[in-house]
Each structure stands twice: as structure tokens, then as C-alpha cells.
C-alpha atoms as a PDB file:
ATOM      1  CA  MET A   1     -15.303  20.233  -5.656  1.00  0.00           C
ATOM      2  CA  VAL A   2     -13.517  17.647  -7.581  1.00  0.00           C
ATOM      3  CA  PRO A   3     -13.900  18.098 -11.405  1.00  0.00           C
ATOM      4  CA  LEU A   4     -15.114  14.653 -12.423  1.00  0.00           C
ATOM      5  CA  GLY A   5     -13.517  15.072 -15.852  1.00  0.00           C
ATOM      6  CA  LEU A   6     -10.203  14.204 -14.306  1.00  0.00           C
ATOM      7  CA  PHE A   7     -11.357  10.679 -14.083  1.00  0.00           C
ATOM      8  CA  ARG A   8     -11.675  10.463 -17.992  1.00  0.00           C
ATOM      9  CA  ASP A   9      -7.822  10.242 -18.179  1.00  0.00           C
ATOM     10  CA  THR A  10      -6.847   6.680 -17.586  1.00  0.00           C
ATOM     11  CA  THR A  11      -3.655   7.647 -15.723  1.00  0.00           C
ATOM     12  CA  VAL A  12      -5.645   9.685 -13.192  1.00  0.00           C
ATOM     13  CA  ALA A  13      -8.258   6.883 -12.716  1.00  0.00           C
ATOM     14  CA  VAL A  14      -5.536   4.147 -12.413  1.00  0.00           C
ATOM     15  CA  THR A  15      -3.306   6.108 -10.086  1.00  0.00           C
ATOM     16  CA  VAL A  16      -6.123   7.032  -7.764  1.00  0.00           C
ATOM     17  CA  ALA A  17      -7.202   3.511  -7.508  1.00  0.00           C
ATOM     18  CA  ALA A  18      -3.727   2.297  -6.959  1.00  0.00           C
ATOM     19  CA  GLY A  19      -3.083   4.854  -4.271  1.00  0.00           C
ATOM     20  CA  ALA A  20      -6.243   3.620  -2.424  1.00  0.00           C
ATOM     21  CA  ALA A  21      -5.142  -0.005  -2.769  1.00  0.00           C
ATOM     22  CA  ASN A  22      -1.671   0.867  -1.309  1.00  0.00           C
ATOM     23  CA  SER A  23      -3.291   2.665   1.623  1.00  0.00           C
ATOM     24  CA  VAL A  24      -5.719  -0.130   2.323  1.00  0.00           C
ATOM     25  CA  ALA A  25      -2.852  -2.690   2.354  1.00  0.00           C
ATOM     26  CA  PHE A  26      -0.266  -0.607   4.227  1.00  0.00           C
ATOM     27  CA  TYR A  27      -2.424   1.043   6.971  1.00  0.00           C
ATOM     28  CA  GLY A  28      -4.860  -1.749   7.223  1.00  0.00           C
ATOM     29  CA  MET A  29      -2.167  -4.150   7.875  1.00  0.00           C
ATOM     30  CA  VAL A  30      -0.310  -2.014  10.390  1.00  0.00           C
ATOM     31  CA  PHE A  31      -3.484  -1.772  12.308  1.00  0.00           C
ATOM     32  CA  VAL A  32      -4.428  -5.484  12.251  1.00  0.00           C
ATOM     33  CA  PHE A  33      -0.945  -6.687  12.894  1.00  0.00           C
ATOM     34  CA  GLY A  34      -0.717  -4.120  15.844  1.00  0.00           C
ATOM     35  CA  LEU A  35      -3.707  -5.838  17.280  1.00  0.00           C
ATOM     36  CA  PHE A  36      -2.245  -9.374  16.496  1.00  0.00           C
ATOM     37  CA  PHE A  37       1.016  -8.490  18.248  1.00  0.00           C
ATOM     38  CA  GLN A  38      -0.634  -7.233  21.309  1.00  0.00           C
ATOM     39  CA  GLN A  39      -3.874  -9.346  21.735  1.00  0.00           C
ATOM     40  CA  VAL A  40      -2.590 -12.713  20.423  1.00  0.00           C
ATOM     41  CA  LEU A  41       1.056 -12.585  21.008  1.00  0.00           C
ATOM     42  CA  GLY A  42       0.836 -10.603  24.320  1.00  0.00           C
ATOM     43  CA  LEU A  43       3.402  -7.932  23.230  1.00  0.00           C
ATOM     44  CA  SER A  44       3.332  -4.527  24.966  1.00  0.00           C
ATOM     45  CA  ALA A  45       2.548  -1.490  22.802  1.00  0.00           C
ATOM     46  CA  LEU A  46       6.341  -0.739  22.604  1.00  0.00           C
ATOM     47  CA  GLY A  47       7.155  -4.282  21.596  1.00  0.00           C
ATOM     48  CA  ALA A  48       4.414  -4.213  18.883  1.00  0.00           C
ATOM     49  CA  GLY A  49       5.791  -0.871  17.561  1.00  0.00           C
ATOM     50  CA  LEU A  50       9.240  -2.350  17.374  1.00  0.00           C
ATOM     51  CA  MET A  51       7.969  -5.171  15.285  1.00  0.00           C
ATOM     52  CA  PHE A  52       7.355  -2.669  12.525  1.00  0.00           C
ATOM     53  CA  LEU A  53      10.733  -1.119  12.687  1.00  0.00           C
ATOM     54  CA  PRO A  54      12.440  -3.161   9.932  1.00  0.00           C
ATOM     55  CA  MET A  55       9.582  -2.515   7.373  1.00  0.00           C
ATOM     56  CA  THR A  56       9.377   1.235   8.139  1.00  0.00           C
ATOM     57  CA  GLY A  57      13.226   1.679   8.262  1.00  0.00           C
ATOM     58  CA  LEU A  58      13.469   0.782   4.660  1.00  0.00           C
ATOM     59  CA  LEU A  59      10.858   3.044   3.209  1.00  0.00           C
ATOM     60  CA  ALA A  60      13.052   6.132   2.567  1.00  0.00           C
ATOM     61  CA  GLY A  61      15.798   4.106   0.774  1.00  0.00           C
ATOM     62  CA  VAL A  62      13.152   2.393  -1.383  1.00  0.00           C
ATOM     63  CA  ASN A  63      11.540   5.793  -2.334  1.00  0.00           C
ATOM     64  CA  VAL A  64      14.931   6.952  -3.641  1.00  0.00           C
ATOM     65  CA  LEU A  65      15.492   3.794  -5.596  1.00  0.00           C
ATOM     66  CA  SER A  66      12.018   3.927  -7.066  1.00  0.00           C
ATOM     67  CA  ALA A  67      12.681   7.393  -8.287  1.00  0.00           C
ATOM     68  CA  LYS A  68      15.869   6.302 -10.074  1.00  0.00           C
ATOM     69  CA  VAL A  69      14.124   3.370 -11.762  1.00  0.00           C
ATOM     70  CA  ALA A  70      11.167   5.605 -12.846  1.00  0.00           C
ATOM     71  CA  ALA A  71      13.736   8.096 -14.239  1.00  0.00           C
ATOM     72  CA  ARG A  72      15.292   5.325 -16.502  1.00  0.00           C
ATOM     73  CA  TYR A  73      12.312   3.191 -17.419  1.00  0.00           C
ATOM     74  CA  GLY A  74       9.167   5.308 -16.800  1.00  0.00           C
ATOM     75  CA  ALA A  75       6.693   5.282 -13.986  1.00  0.00           C
ATOM     76  CA  ARG A  76       4.723   2.139 -15.058  1.00  0.00           C
ATOM     77  CA  LEU A  77       7.480  -0.321 -14.150  1.00  0.00           C
ATOM     78  CA  PRO A  78       7.977   0.629 -10.486  1.00  0.00           C
ATOM     79  CA  ILE A  79       4.273   1.074 -10.004  1.00  0.00           C
ATOM     80  CA  VAL A  80       3.435  -2.374 -11.262  1.00  0.00           C
ATOM     81  CA  VAL A  81       6.379  -4.034  -9.558  1.00  0.00           C
ATOM     82  CA  GLY A  82       5.775  -2.318  -6.357  1.00  0.00           C
ATOM     83  CA  GLN A  83       2.233  -3.484  -6.207  1.00  0.00           C
ATOM     84  CA  VAL A  84       3.081  -6.996  -7.208  1.00  0.00           C
ATOM     85  CA  VAL A  85       5.734  -7.266  -4.494  1.00  0.00           C
ATOM     86  CA  GLY A  86       3.295  -5.795  -1.929  1.00  0.00           C
ATOM     87  CA  ALA A  87       0.565  -8.386  -2.983  1.00  0.00           C
ATOM     88  CA  ALA A  88       3.034 -11.233  -2.752  1.00  0.00           C
ATOM     89  CA  GLY A  89       4.304 -10.068   0.627  1.00  0.00           C
ATOM     90  CA  LEU A  90       0.609  -9.890   1.923  1.00  0.00           C
ATOM     91  CA  LEU A  91       0.077 -13.571   0.726  1.00  0.00           C
ATOM     92  CA  GLY A  92       3.314 -14.510   2.424  1.00  0.00           C
ATOM     93  CA  LEU A  93       1.975 -13.180   5.615  1.00  0.00           C
ATOM     94  CA  LEU A  94      -0.881 -15.700   5.608  1.00  0.00           C
ATOM     95  CA  ALA A  95       1.669 -18.133   6.985  1.00  0.00           C
ATOM     96  CA  VAL A  96       2.035 -16.052  10.220  1.00  0.00           C
ATOM     97  CA  ASP A  97       0.366 -17.528  13.347  1.00  0.00           C
ATOM     98  CA  ALA A  98       0.990 -17.408  17.081  1.00  0.00           C
ATOM     99  CA  GLY A  99       3.896 -19.946  16.701  1.00  0.00           C
ATOM    100  CA  THR A 100       5.895 -18.047  14.167  1.00  0.00           C
ATOM    101  CA  PRO A 101       9.085 -16.586  15.672  1.00  0.00           C
ATOM    102  CA  LEU A 102       9.010 -12.795  16.062  1.00  0.00           C
ATOM    103  CA  PRO A 103      11.911 -12.132  13.908  1.00  0.00           C
ATOM    104  CA  VAL A 104      10.446 -14.004  11.008  1.00  0.00           C
ATOM    105  CA  GLN A 105       7.150 -12.071  11.444  1.00  0.00           C
ATOM    106  CA  ALA A 106       8.944  -8.786  11.469  1.00  0.00           C
ATOM    107  CA  LEU A 107      10.894  -9.779   8.321  1.00  0.00           C
ATOM    108  CA  LEU A 108       7.692 -10.989   6.518  1.00  0.00           C
ATOM    109  CA  LEU A 109       6.255  -7.505   6.851  1.00  0.00           C
ATOM    110  CA  VAL A 110       9.227  -6.104   4.853  1.00  0.00           C
ATOM    111  CA  PRO A 111       7.899  -6.898   1.309  1.00  0.00           C
ATOM    112  CA  LEU A 112       4.718  -4.875   1.937  1.00  0.00           C
ATOM    113  CA  ALA A 113       6.805  -1.875   2.789  1.00  0.00           C
ATOM    114  CA  LEU A 114       9.124  -2.417  -0.096  1.00  0.00           C
ATOM    115  CA  GLY A 115       6.200  -2.646  -2.522  1.00  0.00           C
ATOM    116  CA  ALA A 116       4.382   0.487  -1.139  1.00  0.00           C
ATOM    117  CA  GLY A 117       7.687   2.488  -1.073  1.00  0.00           C
ATOM    118  CA  PHE A 118       8.587   1.440  -4.529  1.00  0.00           C
ATOM    119  CA  SER A 119       5.170   2.237  -6.217  1.00  0.00           C
ATOM    120  CA  LEU A 120       4.006   5.339  -4.517  1.00  0.00           C
ATOM    121  CA  PRO A 121       6.504   8.101  -5.655  1.00  0.00           C
ATOM    122  CA  PRO A 122       6.208   7.304  -9.372  1.00  0.00           C
ATOM    123  CA  LEU A 123       2.391   6.841  -8.900  1.00  0.00           C
ATOM    124  CA  ILE A 124       2.169  10.391  -7.550  1.00  0.00           C
ATOM    125  CA  ALA A 125       4.466  11.681 -10.383  1.00  0.00           C
ATOM    126  CA  ALA A 126       2.517   9.916 -13.060  1.00  0.00           C
ATOM    127  CA  MET A 127      -0.712  11.460 -11.995  1.00  0.00           C
ATOM    128  CA  LEU A 128       0.592  14.938 -11.710  1.00  0.00           C
ATOM    129  CA  GLU A 129       2.181  14.528 -15.212  1.00  0.00           C
ATOM    130  CA  ALA A 130      -1.275  13.530 -16.592  1.00  0.00           C
ATOM    131  CA  VAL A 131      -3.189  16.644 -15.578  1.00  0.00           C
ATOM    132  CA  PRO A 132      -2.854  20.231 -16.815  1.00  0.00           C
ATOM    133  CA  ALA A 133      -0.519  22.354 -14.571  1.00  0.00           C
ATOM    134  CA  GLU A 134      -3.470  24.381 -13.332  1.00  0.00           C
ATOM    135  CA  ARG A 135      -5.156  21.247 -12.128  1.00  0.00           C
ATOM    136  CA  ALA A 136      -1.982  19.852 -10.290  1.00  0.00           C
ATOM    137  CA  GLY A 137      -3.042  21.000  -6.930  1.00  0.00           C
ATOM    138  CA  THR A 138      -6.533  19.569  -7.208  1.00  0.00           C
ATOM    139  CA  ALA A 139      -5.182  16.192  -8.501  1.00  0.00           C
ATOM    140  CA  ALA A 140      -2.703  15.960  -5.645  1.00  0.00           C
ATOM    141  CA  GLY A 141      -5.430  16.810  -3.269  1.00  0.00           C
ATOM    142  CA  LEU A 142      -7.714  14.246  -4.714  1.00  0.00           C
ATOM    143  CA  LEU A 143      -5.133  11.596  -4.550  1.00  0.00           C
ATOM    144  CA  ASN A 144      -4.213  12.381  -0.847  1.00  0.00           C
ATOM    145  CA  ALA A 145      -7.870  12.530   0.104  1.00  0.00           C
ATOM    146  CA  VAL A 146      -8.631   9.180  -1.548  1.00  0.00           C
ATOM    147  CA  ARG A 147      -5.665   7.541   0.069  1.00  0.00           C
ATOM    148  CA  GLN A 148      -6.424   8.786   3.557  1.00  0.00           C
ATOM    149  CA  THR A 149     -10.086   7.728   3.170  1.00  0.00           C
ATOM    150  CA  ALA A 150      -9.074   4.358   1.932  1.00  0.00           C
ATOM    151  CA  GLY A 151      -6.763   3.830   4.893  1.00  0.00           C
ATOM    152  CA  ALA A 152      -9.527   4.876   7.258  1.00  0.00           C
ATOM    153  CA  LEU A 153     -11.918   2.602   5.752  1.00  0.00           C
ATOM    154  CA  ALA A 154      -9.613  -0.231   5.773  1.00  0.00           C
ATOM    155  CA  ILE A 155      -8.950   0.286   9.561  1.00  0.00           C
ATOM    156  CA  ALA A 156     -12.750   0.409  10.165  1.00  0.00           C
ATOM    157  CA  VAL A 157     -13.530  -2.652   8.204  1.00  0.00           C
ATOM    158  CA  PHE A 158     -10.594  -4.730   9.316  1.00  0.00           C
ATOM    159  CA  GLY A 159     -11.233  -3.614  13.021  1.00  0.00           C
ATOM    160  CA  SER A 160     -14.856  -4.628  12.763  1.00  0.00           C
ATOM    161  CA  LEU A 161     -13.644  -8.021  11.571  1.00  0.00           C
ATOM    162  CA  ALA A 162     -11.231  -8.133  14.443  1.00  0.00           C
ATOM    163  CA  GLY A 163     -14.070  -7.686  16.928  1.00  0.00           C
ATOM    164  CA  ARG A 164     -14.881 -11.435  16.539  1.00  0.00           C
ATOM    165  CA  SER A 165     -11.349 -12.797  16.174  1.00  0.00           C
ATOM    166  CA  VAL A 166      -8.216 -11.052  15.478  1.00  0.00           C
ATOM    167  CA  GLU A 167      -6.542 -14.241  13.923  1.00  0.00           C
ATOM    168  CA  SER A 168      -9.438 -14.650  11.552  1.00  0.00           C
ATOM    169  CA  ALA A 169      -9.578 -11.021  10.762  1.00  0.00           C
ATOM    170  CA  LEU A 170      -5.759 -11.141  10.061  1.00  0.00           C
ATOM    171  CA  GLY A 171      -6.290 -13.808   7.198  1.00  0.00           C
ATOM    172  CA  THR A 172      -9.393 -12.145   5.782  1.00  0.00           C
ATOM    173  CA  SER A 173      -7.735  -8.672   5.790  1.00  0.00           C
ATOM    174  CA  LEU A 174      -4.530 -10.051   4.080  1.00  0.00           C
ATOM    175  CA  LEU A 175      -6.578 -11.535   1.295  1.00  0.00           C
ATOM    176  CA  ILE A 176      -8.657  -8.476   0.762  1.00  0.00           C
ATOM    177  CA  SER A 177      -5.647  -6.279   0.600  1.00  0.00           C
ATOM    178  CA  ALA A 178      -3.781  -8.583  -1.583  1.00  0.00           C
ATOM    179  CA  GLY A 179      -6.831  -8.727  -3.954  1.00  0.00           C
ATOM    180  CA  PHE A 180      -6.974  -4.939  -4.242  1.00  0.00           C
ATOM    181  CA  LEU A 181      -3.220  -4.631  -4.939  1.00  0.00           C
ATOM    182  CA  GLY A 182      -3.404  -7.401  -7.502  1.00  0.00           C
ATOM    183  CA  LEU A 183      -6.377  -5.716  -9.322  1.00  0.00           C
ATOM    184  CA  THR A 184      -4.631  -2.376  -9.384  1.00  0.00           C
ATOM    185  CA  ALA A 185      -1.372  -3.812 -10.599  1.00  0.00           C
ATOM    186  CA  LEU A 186      -3.253  -5.287 -13.486  1.00  0.00           C
ATOM    187  CA  ALA A 187      -4.852  -1.934 -14.131  1.00  0.00           C
ATOM    188  CA  SER A 188      -1.564  -0.281 -13.880  1.00  0.00           C
ATOM    189  CA  LEU A 189      -0.464  -2.209 -16.976  1.00  0.00           C
ATOM    190  CA  ARG A 190      -2.662   0.268 -18.789  1.00  0.00           C
ATOM    191  CA  LEU A 191      -0.448   3.258 -17.914  1.00  0.00           C
ATOM    192  CA  PRO A 192       1.650   4.828 -20.661  1.00  0.00           C
ATOM    193  CA  ARG A 193       5.242   3.830 -20.985  1.00  0.00           C
ATOM    194  CA  ARG A 194       6.369   7.466 -21.145  1.00  0.00           C
ATOM    195  CA  ARG A 195       9.453   8.347 -19.188  1.00  0.00           C
ATOM    196  CA  ALA A 196       8.992  10.078 -15.860  1.00  0.00           C
END
């Protein structure tokens, strides 16, 4: 069982919410854009997968950069910046339609990955620093469980929206995801400035 007292700590509450918002945005968008690429643009499963290659190819490098920024300025800066970049990237994707050239669509997905990759490592570190050492395993498990649940719920909700119209679901899903990231970016301003 999760000790609810963990949520009394602002850092724990904010990082759990931010982790959930990142999962909604990232996994929800991969799912909806996968449908868009195949059902609207007529790409094969392989072609749709290749459209995600630029965004996923950058994640490892951004994770390393984020750790360096967190070590210098503290975790709050990369957490907030990452979420803002991700939200802005989602809003930029509202311009995508069936007539948008494929390379442009693939490149427009990149800011979402940059934002998620930049914010998540310091987010996890900030949460683990905020709890007593004997609660670290519980806190990490809680964060992972919430992130996985949020991603699964996003796919379920966005998938139900896509049952009517993939293009309409795409716009609605982008706005929902950007809204969540925007809210948690604001909440992340409450995180302490302490160094990672």
C-alpha cells in the first residue's frame, strides 16, 4: 500500500503529477499519431514507425544534457523548461493535417520528445531526494505506477475519441495533453531550488 503521507510533501505531489502529465502527452500522442499516420495518411505500420524515429532518436542525448543542467542549476529548471517545451510542441502539432509534408510532421514531433527527455530524469531525482531513504523504493514504484496508469488511460481516452474521427481526436488530444503539461509546469515552479 502507498503511504498517503508521501503526498504531504510538495515535491512528491508535484513530481507525481508532472510524471503523469508527461506520460499522457508522450504515450497518448504516439498512439494517436500512429493512428493518424496509418488511417489518414495511409502509411504502413513500418512507415508510421519510421515517422517517430527523429523524436525517439534524440531522447538519450537529451537525458544526458538534462542531468548536466540539473547538476548545475537544480532540478526545477529542467523540469519546468522540459514541460514548457513539450506543451509548446504539442500546440505546434495542431497545424498538422493530411496535407502537411511527412518530413515536417516528423520534425514537429521532436519538441515533445525533447521536453519529455529534458524533464523526466531530474523529476525522478527530485522525487527521490524528497523522501527518506527507506521510502525511496516505494516512491519510485509510486511514480512508475502513476506514469504507466496515466499513459494507459491516455491511450484509452484518446482511442475512444479516435473511434469517431482520427483527425478530430488528434486536435482534442493535443489540447488535453498540452493543458496537462502547462498545468504541471506551473505547479513545478513550486519545487525547491536546491541543487540536484
